[in-house]
Amino acid sequence: AVAAPPKLQHAPHLSANRVAWAVEAASQHTPGVNTCLNQALAAQLLLARRGHSALLYIGVVRGEEEQFLAHAWVENDGEVVIGESELERYTPLAALQVERQ
């Protein structure tokens, strides 16, 4: 497990769903490439810094034209909070846990 940065001292308590909403909202206004991995990493970090469990998964699938496709999502206490689109298609390859703060 990777240790997360120190917990924010004056951050208000936010639910895991509210953190995911904030990441998705911010990603709509972020320049450059916006990927599921970027969103999942940001959500995992913010969740862990606020004391939530945050398990980041990376999954793969073979596409319709035999290309390799990957997707990232984050679960909090067994519930997907970010990246829930078409998860049934993907086979999890890795799961990365960050320590709660």
N, C-alpha and C. Protein backbone atom coordinates (compact mmCIF):
# COMPACT_ATOMS: atom_id res chain seq x y z
N ALA A 1 0.84 -1.18 0.00
CA ALA A 1 0.00 0.00 0.00
C ALA A 1 0.88 1.24 0.00
N VAL A 2 0.44 2.24 -0.70
CA VAL A 2 1.16 3.50 -0.81
C VAL A 2 0.61 4.47 0.24
N ALA A 3 1.48 5.14 0.96
CA ALA A 3 1.04 6.10 1.97
C ALA A 3 0.56 7.37 1.28
N ALA A 4 -0.56 7.87 1.73
CA ALA A 4 -1.12 9.10 1.18
C ALA A 4 -0.46 10.30 1.84
N PRO A 5 -0.51 11.46 1.18
CA PRO A 5 -0.01 12.68 1.80
C PRO A 5 -0.80 12.99 3.06
N PRO A 6 -0.29 13.88 3.89
CA PRO A 6 -0.98 14.21 5.14
C PRO A 6 -2.40 14.68 4.90
N LYS A 7 -3.26 14.36 5.87
CA LYS A 7 -4.67 14.76 5.79
C LYS A 7 -4.77 16.28 5.87
N LEU A 8 -5.71 16.83 5.12
CA LEU A 8 -5.92 18.27 5.16
C LEU A 8 -6.38 18.67 6.56
N GLN A 9 -5.81 19.72 7.10
CA GLN A 9 -6.12 20.13 8.46
C GLN A 9 -7.47 20.81 8.59
N HIS A 10 -7.86 21.62 7.63
CA HIS A 10 -9.08 22.41 7.76
C HIS A 10 -10.12 22.07 6.70
N ALA A 11 -10.01 20.88 6.12
CA ALA A 11 -10.97 20.49 5.08
C ALA A 11 -12.26 20.01 5.75
N PRO A 12 -13.38 20.48 5.27
CA PRO A 12 -14.63 19.98 5.82
C PRO A 12 -14.82 18.51 5.45
N HIS A 13 -15.56 17.78 6.27
CA HIS A 13 -15.82 16.37 5.98
C HIS A 13 -16.75 16.30 4.77
N LEU A 14 -16.31 15.58 3.77
CA LEU A 14 -17.12 15.38 2.57
C LEU A 14 -17.38 13.90 2.40
N SER A 15 -18.59 13.55 1.97
CA SER A 15 -18.89 12.15 1.69
C SER A 15 -18.07 11.70 0.49
N ALA A 16 -17.91 10.39 0.35
CA ALA A 16 -17.17 9.85 -0.79
C ALA A 16 -17.84 10.24 -2.10
N ASN A 17 -19.16 10.24 -2.13
CA ASN A 17 -19.87 10.63 -3.36
C ASN A 17 -19.66 12.10 -3.67
N ARG A 18 -19.58 12.93 -2.67
CA ARG A 18 -19.36 14.37 -2.90
C ARG A 18 -17.94 14.60 -3.43
N VAL A 19 -16.96 13.86 -2.92
CA VAL A 19 -15.59 13.97 -3.43
C VAL A 19 -15.55 13.55 -4.90
N ALA A 20 -16.21 12.44 -5.23
CA ALA A 20 -16.25 11.98 -6.62
C ALA A 20 -16.92 13.01 -7.52
N TRP A 21 -18.00 13.61 -7.04
CA TRP A 21 -18.68 14.65 -7.81
C TRP A 21 -17.73 15.81 -8.08
N ALA A 22 -16.97 16.22 -7.07
CA ALA A 22 -16.03 17.34 -7.22
C ALA A 22 -14.95 17.02 -8.25
N VAL A 23 -14.45 15.80 -8.22
CA VAL A 23 -13.42 15.40 -9.20
C VAL A 23 -13.99 15.43 -10.61
N GLU A 24 -15.19 14.88 -10.79
CA GLU A 24 -15.81 14.88 -12.12
C GLU A 24 -16.11 16.29 -12.59
N ALA A 25 -16.58 17.16 -11.70
CA ALA A 25 -16.88 18.55 -12.07
C ALA A 25 -15.60 19.29 -12.45
N ALA A 26 -14.55 19.12 -11.66
CA ALA A 26 -13.28 19.80 -11.96
C ALA A 26 -12.68 19.30 -13.26
N SER A 27 -12.85 18.02 -13.57
CA SER A 27 -12.26 17.46 -14.79
C SER A 27 -12.87 18.06 -16.04
N GLN A 28 -14.08 18.57 -15.96
CA GLN A 28 -14.72 19.20 -17.11
C GLN A 28 -14.09 20.55 -17.44
N HIS A 29 -13.34 21.10 -16.49
CA HIS A 29 -12.73 22.42 -16.68
C HIS A 29 -11.21 22.36 -16.67
N THR A 30 -10.67 21.16 -16.78
CA THR A 30 -9.22 20.98 -16.76
C THR A 30 -8.71 20.85 -18.19
N PRO A 31 -7.73 21.67 -18.58
CA PRO A 31 -7.20 21.57 -19.95
C PRO A 31 -6.39 20.30 -20.13
N GLY A 32 -6.25 19.89 -21.37
CA GLY A 32 -5.44 18.72 -21.68
C GLY A 32 -6.28 17.46 -21.72
N VAL A 33 -5.57 16.34 -21.69
CA VAL A 33 -6.22 15.04 -21.78
C VAL A 33 -6.87 14.69 -20.45
N ASN A 34 -8.14 14.37 -20.51
CA ASN A 34 -8.90 14.02 -19.32
C ASN A 34 -9.24 12.53 -19.40
N THR A 35 -8.54 11.71 -18.64
CA THR A 35 -8.75 10.26 -18.72
C THR A 35 -9.36 9.72 -17.43
N CYS A 36 -9.89 8.52 -17.52
CA CYS A 36 -10.43 7.86 -16.34
C CYS A 36 -9.33 7.64 -15.30
N LEU A 37 -8.10 7.41 -15.74
CA LEU A 37 -7.00 7.21 -14.80
C LEU A 37 -6.70 8.50 -14.04
N ASN A 38 -6.69 9.63 -14.73
CA ASN A 38 -6.47 10.92 -14.05
C ASN A 38 -7.54 11.14 -12.99
N GLN A 39 -8.79 10.91 -13.35
CA GLN A 39 -9.89 11.11 -12.41
C GLN A 39 -9.80 10.13 -11.24
N ALA A 40 -9.48 8.88 -11.52
CA ALA A 40 -9.40 7.87 -10.47
C ALA A 40 -8.27 8.19 -9.49
N LEU A 41 -7.12 8.61 -10.00
CA LEU A 41 -6.00 8.96 -9.12
C LEU A 41 -6.34 10.16 -8.24
N ALA A 42 -6.97 11.18 -8.83
CA ALA A 42 -7.37 12.35 -8.06
C ALA A 42 -8.39 11.98 -6.99
N ALA A 43 -9.38 11.18 -7.37
CA ALA A 43 -10.41 10.76 -6.40
C ALA A 43 -9.80 9.94 -5.28
N GLN A 44 -8.91 9.02 -5.62
CA GLN A 44 -8.29 8.18 -4.59
C GLN A 44 -7.52 9.04 -3.59
N LEU A 45 -6.74 9.96 -4.07
CA LEU A 45 -5.96 10.84 -3.19
C LEU A 45 -6.87 11.66 -2.29
N LEU A 46 -7.89 12.29 -2.87
CA LEU A 46 -8.78 13.14 -2.08
C LEU A 46 -9.59 12.33 -1.08
N LEU A 47 -10.04 11.16 -1.47
CA LEU A 47 -10.78 10.31 -0.53
C LEU A 47 -9.91 9.90 0.64
N ALA A 48 -8.69 9.46 0.36
CA ALA A 48 -7.79 9.03 1.43
C ALA A 48 -7.44 10.18 2.36
N ARG A 49 -7.25 11.36 1.81
CA ARG A 49 -6.92 12.53 2.63
C ARG A 49 -8.07 12.94 3.54
N ARG A 50 -9.27 12.49 3.20
CA ARG A 50 -10.44 12.81 4.01
C ARG A 50 -10.89 11.62 4.86
N GLY A 51 -10.03 10.60 4.94
CA GLY A 51 -10.29 9.47 5.83
C GLY A 51 -11.16 8.37 5.27
N HIS A 52 -11.45 8.41 3.98
CA HIS A 52 -12.27 7.37 3.34
C HIS A 52 -11.38 6.27 2.78
N SER A 53 -11.93 5.06 2.69
CA SER A 53 -11.22 4.00 1.97
C SER A 53 -11.27 4.34 0.48
N ALA A 54 -10.24 3.96 -0.23
CA ALA A 54 -10.18 4.30 -1.66
C ALA A 54 -9.35 3.26 -2.38
N LEU A 55 -10.03 2.33 -3.03
CA LEU A 55 -9.37 1.26 -3.75
C LEU A 55 -9.47 1.54 -5.25
N LEU A 56 -8.33 1.78 -5.88
CA LEU A 56 -8.28 2.10 -7.31
C LEU A 56 -8.05 0.82 -8.09
N TYR A 57 -8.92 0.57 -9.06
CA TYR A 57 -8.79 -0.60 -9.93
C TYR A 57 -8.40 -0.16 -11.32
N ILE A 58 -7.60 -1.01 -11.96
CA ILE A 58 -7.29 -0.84 -13.38
C ILE A 58 -7.71 -2.15 -14.06
N GLY A 59 -8.60 -2.03 -15.03
CA GLY A 59 -9.10 -3.20 -15.73
C GLY A 59 -8.85 -3.11 -17.22
N VAL A 60 -8.91 -4.26 -17.88
CA VAL A 60 -8.65 -4.31 -19.32
C VAL A 60 -9.71 -5.13 -20.03
N VAL A 61 -9.83 -4.89 -21.33
CA VAL A 61 -10.73 -5.65 -22.19
C VAL A 61 -10.18 -5.57 -23.61
N ARG A 62 -10.51 -6.55 -24.41
CA ARG A 62 -10.15 -6.53 -25.83
C ARG A 62 -11.32 -5.87 -26.56
N GLY A 63 -11.04 -4.83 -27.32
CA GLY A 63 -12.07 -4.09 -28.03
C GLY A 63 -12.62 -4.82 -29.23
N GLU A 64 -13.61 -4.20 -29.86
CA GLU A 64 -14.28 -4.79 -31.02
C GLU A 64 -13.33 -5.05 -32.18
N GLU A 65 -12.29 -4.24 -32.29
CA GLU A 65 -11.31 -4.41 -33.36
C GLU A 65 -10.03 -5.03 -32.83
N GLU A 66 -10.15 -5.82 -31.75
CA GLU A 66 -9.04 -6.53 -31.13
C GLU A 66 -8.00 -5.62 -30.48
N GLN A 67 -8.33 -4.34 -30.28
CA GLN A 67 -7.39 -3.44 -29.62
C GLN A 67 -7.50 -3.60 -28.11
N PHE A 68 -6.43 -3.25 -27.43
CA PHE A 68 -6.35 -3.32 -25.98
C PHE A 68 -6.97 -2.05 -25.41
N LEU A 69 -7.97 -2.20 -24.53
CA LEU A 69 -8.61 -1.06 -23.88
C LEU A 69 -8.45 -1.20 -22.37
N ALA A 70 -8.25 -0.09 -21.70
CA ALA A 70 -8.10 -0.10 -20.25
C ALA A 70 -9.03 0.93 -19.63
N HIS A 71 -9.36 0.71 -18.36
CA HIS A 71 -10.25 1.62 -17.64
C HIS A 71 -9.84 1.62 -16.17
N ALA A 72 -10.02 2.76 -15.52
CA ALA A 72 -9.72 2.88 -14.09
C ALA A 72 -10.97 3.35 -13.35
N TRP A 73 -11.15 2.82 -12.14
CA TRP A 73 -12.27 3.24 -11.31
C TRP A 73 -11.87 3.13 -9.85
N VAL A 74 -12.64 3.79 -8.98
CA VAL A 74 -12.35 3.79 -7.55
C VAL A 74 -13.57 3.31 -6.79
N GLU A 75 -13.30 2.45 -5.81
CA GLU A 75 -14.35 1.97 -4.92
C GLU A 75 -14.10 2.49 -3.51
N ASN A 76 -15.20 2.82 -2.84
CA ASN A 76 -15.17 3.22 -1.44
C ASN A 76 -16.09 2.27 -0.70
N ASP A 77 -15.53 1.50 0.21
CA ASP A 77 -16.30 0.51 0.98
C ASP A 77 -17.13 -0.39 0.07
N GLY A 78 -16.53 -0.84 -1.04
CA GLY A 78 -17.19 -1.78 -1.94
C GLY A 78 -18.13 -1.16 -2.95
N GLU A 79 -18.29 0.16 -2.94
CA GLU A 79 -19.18 0.84 -3.88
C GLU A 79 -18.36 1.70 -4.83
N VAL A 80 -18.63 1.57 -6.13
CA VAL A 80 -17.92 2.38 -7.12
C VAL A 80 -18.36 3.84 -6.98
N VAL A 81 -17.40 4.74 -6.82
CA VAL A 81 -17.73 6.16 -6.67
C VAL A 81 -17.29 6.99 -7.87
N ILE A 82 -16.37 6.45 -8.65
CA ILE A 82 -15.95 7.16 -9.87
C ILE A 82 -15.50 6.13 -10.90
N GLY A 83 -15.90 6.37 -12.16
CA GLY A 83 -15.51 5.47 -13.25
C GLY A 83 -16.43 4.28 -13.43
N GLU A 84 -17.70 4.42 -13.06
CA GLU A 84 -18.61 3.28 -13.08
C GLU A 84 -19.11 2.85 -14.45
N SER A 85 -18.72 3.54 -15.49
CA SER A 85 -19.22 3.26 -16.84
C SER A 85 -18.75 1.91 -17.37
N GLU A 86 -19.70 1.02 -17.70
CA GLU A 86 -19.46 -0.26 -18.37
C GLU A 86 -18.43 -1.15 -17.67
N LEU A 87 -18.42 -1.18 -16.37
CA LEU A 87 -17.43 -1.98 -15.63
C LEU A 87 -17.51 -3.47 -15.92
N GLU A 88 -18.70 -3.95 -16.25
CA GLU A 88 -18.85 -5.38 -16.49
C GLU A 88 -18.01 -5.87 -17.66
N ARG A 89 -17.58 -4.96 -18.52
CA ARG A 89 -16.75 -5.32 -19.67
C ARG A 89 -15.30 -5.61 -19.27
N TYR A 90 -14.83 -5.02 -18.20
CA TYR A 90 -13.41 -5.02 -17.86
C TYR A 90 -13.03 -6.10 -16.85
N THR A 91 -11.89 -6.71 -17.09
CA THR A 91 -11.31 -7.66 -16.16
C THR A 91 -10.28 -6.90 -15.31
N PRO A 92 -10.46 -6.85 -14.00
CA PRO A 92 -9.48 -6.14 -13.17
C PRO A 92 -8.09 -6.75 -13.27
N LEU A 93 -7.10 -5.89 -13.49
CA LEU A 93 -5.70 -6.31 -13.55
C LEU A 93 -4.97 -6.00 -12.27
N ALA A 94 -5.27 -4.84 -11.68
CA ALA A 94 -4.58 -4.39 -10.49
C ALA A 94 -5.55 -3.62 -9.60
N ALA A 95 -5.29 -3.71 -8.30
CA ALA A 95 -6.06 -2.92 -7.33
C ALA A 95 -5.03 -2.26 -6.42
N LEU A 96 -5.13 -0.95 -6.29
CA LEU A 96 -4.17 -0.17 -5.52
C LEU A 96 -4.87 0.52 -4.36
N GLN A 97 -4.41 0.23 -3.14
CA GLN A 97 -5.02 0.80 -1.95
C GLN A 97 -4.11 1.89 -1.39
N VAL A 98 -4.70 2.99 -0.98
CA VAL A 98 -3.97 4.06 -0.31
C VAL A 98 -4.43 4.05 1.14
N GLU A 99 -3.50 4.22 2.06
CA GLU A 99 -3.85 4.25 3.47
C GLU A 99 -4.75 5.43 3.80
N ARG A 100 -5.77 5.18 4.61
CA ARG A 100 -6.63 6.27 5.09
C ARG A 100 -5.82 7.15 6.02
N GLN A 101 -6.15 8.41 6.00
CA GLN A 101 -5.46 9.36 6.89
C GLN A 101 -6.26 9.61 8.13
